[in-house]
Each structure stands twice: as C-alpha cells, then as structure tokens.
Amino acid sequence: MSAMKKFLTLSILLLGFISYGQTFEQTVADASCECIQELPNLTDENYKNCISTSLTESLVKGDVKKNMKQIGTVKGMKSTLEKVYGILAESCSLNSNKELTEKREVYYSASPNYEANISYNMGKDFMEQGNYQLAIKSFEKALENDENFVLALDDIAISYRQLNQFEEAITYYKKSLAVFPEGDFALMNIAVVYNLKEDYKTSNEYYAQLMQYQPHNAEGYYGFGRNLSFLEDYENALLHIIKAHKIYIFEKSDYEKHSLQMIGILYGLMKEKGNEKAFYRIAKENGITIKQ
C-alpha cells in the first residue's frame, strides 16, 4: 500500500472518532463577532455590549454548571474576557469589511470604457465555450482600451491557466494585484498556480495576504495549511486546516468534507512521524475532540 493510500485509510478510520466542540471563549467570540458585524457603526460601547450579550447567551446555551464555574470568580471572568478579546482581535474583521466591500464593488465591475466592455464580454463567451485562445485575444483587446480593467486581467489569467501556461497566468494575476492589492480572486488563484508549480512557499505568501485581507475566508487557511503539509510543517498545517474546517462548518459549505479529510491525512502523517500527541493537543485546543 502506498504512503498516501495508507494515510487516506487512516483518515477514513479517524473521521468516525472526531466530534466537534468549542471552548466557551470561542463560542462567545463567534457570537460576538456576528453581533459586531451587524452594527451600522462600531463604538467601544456597542462593541462591549455585543460581548456581554454574547457571553450571557452562550452561558445559558451551553453547559451552565461548567461555564459558571469558569467565570464565577473575578479572576475567571477576567481570564475568559481576555481570551475572547484575543480571539476577536485575531479572527474578527472589525473595520475593513465595509471598506473592502466598497473596493470590490469598484474593481469587480464593468469598465468605464465601452469598447473594453464589448471585448470583455466576447472573451467571456469564448471562455464558456472552452476556446481560451480566442478568449485571450478578446481580453487583450479589452485591456488595450482599459489597462486597469481588473475583471479582464483576472480572466485572461484564468485562460492562460486553463492552457497550463502558468507563467503567463502569474504575470496577469500580478497586474491585477497591482491595481487591486486586496483582490481575493487574484490572491487565491495566483496562490493556486504557484501550488501547481510546487512552489509552496511563494504560494503561501499570497495565501497569507488573503488571510490578512479576508480573515473569514476559509480558502486562505485551507490553502496555507495544505501547502504547509507539503513542506512537512504538520503542526501548523493542522492548525490552519482546522480554522478552515470551522469556517466551512459555520457556512454549511460542501468543502467541509475536504477539510475533514485533510485533518485525517494530517493525523496519519503526524502518527507516522511519532507526533500523535501533538495532533491530539492541537485538535483539543481548537475545539475538535478525538475519541481515542
């Protein structure tokens, strides 16, 4: 049996023994972040109110006796709140969402140049037909009329990638990012291209940017973690894959099964290296319990 088949077998065996749970702090932080994201204007007062309300709601929804024991002292409450604030600072985008949404609406839209739009629409038609050579020519015409047309830059890169012309794809993704550095589409896809080239470190430079700009986008964590597994940094890989998995669960995404399988594969890899205890520790610290 090949090593990968063996790890896949281990992963399948493992999946039946995984159960999910969150620490009380993580539950409070998740609820607080949802509350914060719905605020029209963020102030220190309503920020703290979101946390206070979420703490109360999480307390009664969970194991009340256990949770009360945790926060029933001044020291326990202080420790819990410090951890909640830390989780929010790391994973809840407080100020950038509105700004980034506005930027996406500007850059991921039609060109102000009529001729550029005509050529771009022709290119999209050719893409749908699978004729990527003609699509590229149409996108080139669009870019002659508007060199900063992000949609055309992204789609010409896609077309080159479909033709396995990775260097050309990278060139156009970089041009797109020069116009719109926070562009999640280009960041995600240039990372994928570098992954296909087996340049995992460079791929992760772009996944890191994606995580920075969009901390709630599971693809950044998943891609980063998967690359770390190729680089044999299994502990950090597991940490990032678990983050992606929890987001997929929250979003009820079909990709949940992929991250779950990846957790299983990492279990096999870490067990093979005699690092099984680290796997259980990281899983437990991040709300996943393995029934041994």
Protein backbone atom coordinates (compact mmCIF):
# COMPACT_ATOMS: atom_id res chain seq x y z
CA MET A 1 0.00 0.00 0.00
CA SER A 2 1.40 3.45 -0.96
CA ALA A 3 2.07 6.03 1.74
CA MET A 4 -0.75 8.29 0.52
CA LYS A 5 -3.24 5.41 0.37
CA LYS A 6 -2.21 4.42 3.88
CA PHE A 7 -2.77 7.96 5.14
CA LEU A 8 -6.14 8.14 3.40
CA THR A 9 -7.12 4.87 5.06
CA LEU A 10 -6.06 6.27 8.43
CA SER A 11 -8.05 9.41 7.73
CA ILE A 12 -11.21 7.43 6.97
CA LEU A 13 -10.79 5.46 10.19
CA LEU A 14 -10.23 8.66 12.12
CA LEU A 15 -13.27 10.51 10.85
CA GLY A 16 -15.67 8.33 12.80
CA PHE A 17 -13.90 9.32 16.02
CA ILE A 18 -13.99 13.08 15.61
CA SER A 19 -16.51 15.14 17.49
CA TYR A 20 -16.76 18.89 17.48
CA GLY A 21 -16.94 21.33 20.27
CA GLN A 22 -15.71 24.76 21.07
CA THR A 23 -14.20 26.29 24.11
CA PHE A 24 -16.54 28.64 25.94
CA GLU A 25 -14.32 31.57 24.90
CA GLN A 26 -14.51 30.61 21.22
CA THR A 27 -18.29 30.28 21.40
CA VAL A 28 -18.59 33.74 22.97
CA ALA A 29 -16.16 35.21 20.43
CA ASP A 30 -18.03 33.72 17.46
CA ALA A 31 -21.35 35.10 18.71
CA SER A 32 -19.75 38.46 19.49
CA CYS A 33 -18.26 38.70 16.01
CA GLU A 34 -21.65 38.05 14.40
CA CYS A 35 -23.14 40.80 16.57
CA ILE A 36 -20.31 43.21 15.75
CA GLN A 37 -20.59 42.60 12.00
CA GLU A 38 -24.24 43.65 12.11
CA LEU A 39 -23.52 47.01 13.77
CA PRO A 40 -24.03 50.02 11.48
CA ASN A 41 -21.41 51.96 13.43
CA LEU A 42 -18.84 50.38 15.71
CA THR A 43 -18.21 52.12 19.04
CA ASP A 44 -16.42 50.97 22.16
CA GLU A 45 -19.77 50.82 23.96
CA ASN A 46 -21.67 48.66 21.48
CA TYR A 47 -18.55 46.50 20.97
CA LYS A 48 -18.54 45.68 24.68
CA ASN A 49 -22.33 45.25 24.67
CA CYS A 50 -22.01 42.61 21.94
CA ILE A 51 -19.51 40.70 24.05
CA SER A 52 -21.59 40.99 27.20
CA THR A 53 -24.78 39.85 25.48
CA SER A 54 -22.99 37.00 23.70
CA LEU A 55 -21.40 35.86 26.94
CA THR A 56 -24.80 35.64 28.65
CA GLU A 57 -26.43 33.84 25.72
CA SER A 58 -23.52 31.40 25.37
CA LEU A 59 -23.63 30.71 29.09
CA VAL A 60 -27.23 29.50 29.11
CA LYS A 61 -26.99 27.64 25.80
CA GLY A 62 -24.03 25.56 26.90
CA ASP A 63 -23.06 23.59 29.98
CA VAL A 64 -24.27 26.17 32.53
CA LYS A 65 -22.66 24.49 35.53
CA LYS A 66 -19.29 24.14 33.84
CA ASN A 67 -19.36 27.63 32.36
CA MET A 68 -20.42 29.24 35.65
CA LYS A 69 -17.53 27.51 37.38
CA GLN A 70 -15.20 29.05 34.78
CA ILE A 71 -16.47 32.63 35.09
CA GLY A 72 -17.76 32.53 38.65
CA THR A 73 -14.74 34.34 40.08
CA VAL A 74 -13.26 37.74 39.22
CA LYS A 75 -10.07 36.02 38.07
CA GLY A 76 -12.03 33.52 35.95
CA MET A 77 -14.14 36.22 34.32
CA LYS A 78 -11.07 38.36 33.59
CA SER A 79 -9.24 35.42 32.05
CA THR A 80 -12.25 34.48 29.92
CA LEU A 81 -12.75 38.02 28.63
CA GLU A 82 -9.04 38.40 27.83
CA LYS A 83 -9.21 35.25 25.71
CA VAL A 84 -12.41 36.44 23.98
CA TYR A 85 -10.79 39.79 23.15
CA GLY A 86 -7.74 37.95 21.82
CA ILE A 87 -9.82 35.70 19.56
CA LEU A 88 -11.76 38.69 18.24
CA ALA A 89 -8.57 40.64 17.53
CA GLU A 90 -7.18 37.68 15.59
CA SER A 91 -10.20 36.50 13.64
CA CYS A 92 -12.96 39.10 13.56
CA SER A 93 -12.57 41.85 10.98
CA LEU A 94 -13.84 44.95 12.75
CA ASN A 95 -13.11 47.84 10.42
CA SER A 96 -12.08 46.62 7.00
CA ASN A 97 -15.20 44.85 5.74
CA LYS A 98 -17.09 47.96 4.66
CA GLU A 99 -14.03 49.49 3.00
CA LEU A 100 -13.13 46.24 1.27
CA THR A 101 -16.71 45.71 0.10
CA GLU A 102 -16.71 49.16 -1.43
CA LYS A 103 -13.40 48.46 -3.20
CA ARG A 104 -14.70 45.16 -4.55
CA GLU A 105 -17.75 46.91 -5.96
CA VAL A 106 -15.46 49.36 -7.77
CA TYR A 107 -12.86 46.94 -9.13
CA TYR A 108 -15.04 43.87 -9.75
CA SER A 109 -17.35 45.75 -12.11
CA ALA A 110 -17.60 46.79 -15.74
CA SER A 111 -15.06 49.13 -17.25
CA PRO A 112 -15.96 52.79 -17.79
CA ASN A 113 -14.71 52.20 -21.35
CA TYR A 114 -17.48 50.96 -23.65
CA GLU A 115 -15.14 49.23 -26.13
CA ALA A 116 -13.33 47.44 -23.31
CA ASN A 117 -16.63 46.00 -22.11
CA ILE A 118 -17.60 44.79 -25.59
CA SER A 119 -14.30 42.92 -25.95
CA TYR A 120 -14.51 41.59 -22.40
CA ASN A 121 -18.00 40.16 -22.93
CA MET A 122 -16.81 38.45 -26.11
CA GLY A 123 -13.95 36.93 -24.14
CA LYS A 124 -16.35 35.59 -21.52
CA ASP A 125 -18.40 33.96 -24.27
CA PHE A 126 -15.28 32.26 -25.63
CA MET A 127 -14.36 31.09 -22.11
CA GLU A 128 -17.78 29.47 -21.69
CA GLN A 129 -17.19 27.65 -24.99
CA GLY A 130 -13.77 26.47 -23.78
CA ASN A 131 -11.99 28.44 -26.51
CA TYR A 132 -9.33 30.01 -24.32
CA GLN A 133 -7.08 31.16 -27.17
CA LEU A 134 -9.81 33.38 -28.60
CA ALA A 135 -10.79 34.43 -25.09
CA ILE A 136 -7.24 35.67 -24.52
CA LYS A 137 -7.31 37.71 -27.73
CA SER A 138 -10.60 39.30 -26.70
CA PHE A 139 -9.33 40.12 -23.20
CA GLU A 140 -6.18 41.62 -24.74
CA LYS A 141 -8.40 43.93 -26.81
CA ALA A 142 -10.29 44.89 -23.66
CA LEU A 143 -7.03 45.72 -21.90
CA GLU A 144 -5.86 47.83 -24.84
CA ASN A 145 -8.83 50.07 -24.09
CA ASP A 146 -8.56 49.87 -20.30
CA GLU A 147 -5.27 48.54 -18.90
CA ASN A 148 -6.63 48.63 -15.34
CA PHE A 149 -9.72 46.53 -16.06
CA VAL A 150 -9.42 44.05 -13.18
CA LEU A 151 -12.04 41.58 -14.45
CA ALA A 152 -10.23 41.31 -17.78
CA LEU A 153 -6.86 40.91 -16.05
CA ASP A 154 -8.24 38.12 -13.87
CA ASP A 155 -9.99 36.31 -16.71
CA ILE A 156 -7.04 36.44 -19.08
CA ALA A 157 -5.01 34.88 -16.25
CA ILE A 158 -7.65 32.15 -15.87
CA SER A 159 -7.50 31.46 -19.60
CA TYR A 160 -3.72 31.06 -19.53
CA ARG A 161 -4.02 28.79 -16.51
CA GLN A 162 -6.53 26.60 -18.37
CA LEU A 163 -3.92 26.27 -21.12
CA ASN A 164 -1.29 25.32 -18.48
CA GLN A 165 0.66 28.46 -19.32
CA PHE A 166 1.39 29.21 -15.71
CA GLU A 167 3.98 31.96 -16.13
CA GLU A 168 1.62 34.00 -18.31
CA ALA A 169 -1.18 33.46 -15.78
CA ILE A 170 1.08 34.69 -12.97
CA THR A 171 2.01 37.78 -15.00
CA TYR A 172 -1.63 38.84 -15.33
CA TYR A 173 -2.59 38.00 -11.74
CA LYS A 174 0.27 40.25 -10.63
CA LYS A 175 -1.00 43.01 -12.91
CA SER A 176 -4.44 42.60 -11.35
CA LEU A 177 -2.98 42.83 -7.84
CA ALA A 178 -1.03 45.93 -8.81
CA VAL A 179 -4.38 47.60 -9.49
CA PHE A 180 -6.33 46.00 -6.63
CA PRO A 181 -3.92 44.55 -4.00
CA GLU A 182 -6.78 43.20 -1.85
CA GLY A 183 -8.36 41.33 -4.76
CA ASP A 184 -9.33 37.98 -3.28
CA PHE A 185 -9.84 36.39 -6.67
CA ALA A 186 -6.32 37.12 -7.88
CA LEU A 187 -4.73 36.32 -4.50
CA MET A 188 -6.45 32.96 -4.30
CA ASN A 189 -5.73 31.97 -7.86
CA ILE A 190 -2.11 33.08 -8.04
CA ALA A 191 -1.58 31.03 -4.88
CA VAL A 192 -3.14 28.03 -6.64
CA VAL A 193 -0.88 28.49 -9.68
CA TYR A 194 2.25 28.56 -7.51
CA ASN A 195 0.93 25.45 -5.77
CA LEU A 196 0.61 23.73 -9.14
CA LYS A 197 4.21 24.73 -9.81
CA GLU A 198 5.07 23.13 -6.44
CA ASP A 199 6.42 26.45 -5.20
CA TYR A 200 4.67 26.15 -1.87
CA LYS A 201 6.49 28.95 -0.09
CA THR A 202 5.58 31.55 -2.71
CA SER A 203 2.05 30.18 -2.83
CA ASN A 204 1.76 30.76 0.91
CA GLU A 205 2.92 34.37 0.57
CA TYR A 206 -0.29 35.02 -1.37
CA TYR A 207 -2.46 32.88 0.90
CA ALA A 208 -1.09 34.90 3.83
CA GLN A 209 -2.25 38.11 2.14
CA LEU A 210 -5.66 36.57 1.53
CA MET A 211 -5.94 35.67 5.22
CA GLN A 212 -4.88 39.20 6.17
CA TYR A 213 -7.45 40.93 3.97
CA GLN A 214 -10.24 38.37 4.44
CA PRO A 215 -9.87 36.64 7.82
CA HIS A 216 -13.22 34.88 7.38
CA ASN A 217 -12.35 33.34 4.01
CA ALA A 218 -11.70 29.64 4.61
CA GLU A 219 -9.80 29.23 1.33
CA GLY A 220 -6.84 31.18 2.68
CA TYR A 221 -6.47 28.95 5.73
CA TYR A 222 -7.09 25.76 3.77
CA GLY A 223 -4.60 26.56 1.02
CA PHE A 224 -1.99 27.77 3.51
CA GLY A 225 -2.38 24.65 5.63
CA ARG A 226 -2.28 22.30 2.66
CA ASN A 227 0.96 23.89 1.46
CA LEU A 228 2.45 23.54 4.94
CA SER A 229 1.67 19.83 4.79
CA PHE A 230 3.75 19.57 1.60
CA LEU A 231 6.53 21.41 3.44
CA GLU A 232 6.15 18.87 6.29
CA ASP A 233 5.23 21.53 8.87
CA TYR A 234 2.39 19.34 10.06
CA GLU A 235 1.52 21.09 13.32
CA ASN A 236 0.99 24.49 11.70
CA ALA A 237 -0.73 22.80 8.79
CA LEU A 238 -3.22 21.18 11.17
CA LEU A 239 -3.88 24.48 12.93
CA HIS A 240 -4.78 26.23 9.66
CA ILE A 241 -6.83 23.35 8.27
CA ILE A 242 -8.88 23.27 11.48
CA LYS A 243 -9.53 27.02 11.13
CA ALA A 244 -10.73 26.45 7.57
CA HIS A 245 -12.85 23.49 8.67
CA LYS A 246 -14.64 25.50 11.36
CA ILE A 247 -15.47 28.24 8.85
CA TYR A 248 -16.78 25.66 6.38
CA ILE A 249 -18.97 24.19 9.13
CA PHE A 250 -20.28 27.64 10.04
CA GLU A 251 -21.04 28.38 6.37
CA LYS A 252 -22.54 24.90 5.85
CA SER A 253 -20.17 24.54 2.92
CA ASP A 254 -19.76 21.34 0.92
CA TYR A 255 -16.00 21.86 1.28
CA GLU A 256 -16.33 20.74 4.90
CA LYS A 257 -15.69 17.15 3.78
CA HIS A 258 -12.41 18.17 2.11
CA SER A 259 -11.05 19.87 5.22
CA LEU A 260 -12.22 16.94 7.34
CA GLN A 261 -10.36 14.53 5.08
CA MET A 262 -7.27 16.75 5.27
CA ILE A 263 -7.42 16.64 9.07
CA GLY A 264 -7.45 12.87 8.80
CA ILE A 265 -4.49 12.84 6.42
CA LEU A 266 -2.53 15.05 8.80
CA TYR A 267 -3.34 12.63 11.59
CA GLY A 268 -1.79 9.85 9.54
CA LEU A 269 1.27 11.91 8.68
CA MET A 270 1.82 13.01 12.27
CA LYS A 271 1.29 9.50 13.59
CA GLU A 272 3.84 8.21 11.09
CA LYS A 273 6.34 10.73 12.49
CA GLY A 274 5.58 9.76 16.08
CA ASN A 275 3.87 13.08 16.71
CA GLU A 276 0.42 11.77 17.51
CA LYS A 277 0.27 13.55 20.90
CA ALA A 278 0.75 16.93 19.20
CA PHE A 279 -2.15 16.12 16.89
CA TYR A 280 -4.49 15.43 19.81
CA ARG A 281 -3.29 18.53 21.67
CA ILE A 282 -3.80 20.89 18.71
CA ALA A 283 -7.18 19.34 17.90
CA LYS A 284 -8.37 19.69 21.51
CA GLU A 285 -7.10 23.29 21.81
CA ASN A 286 -9.12 24.17 18.71
CA GLY A 287 -12.41 22.56 19.63
CA ILE A 288 -12.06 19.13 18.00
CA THR A 289 -12.17 16.10 20.27
CA ILE A 290 -10.77 12.77 19.14
CA LYS A 291 -12.41 9.83 20.85
CA GLN A 292 -9.44 7.56 21.49
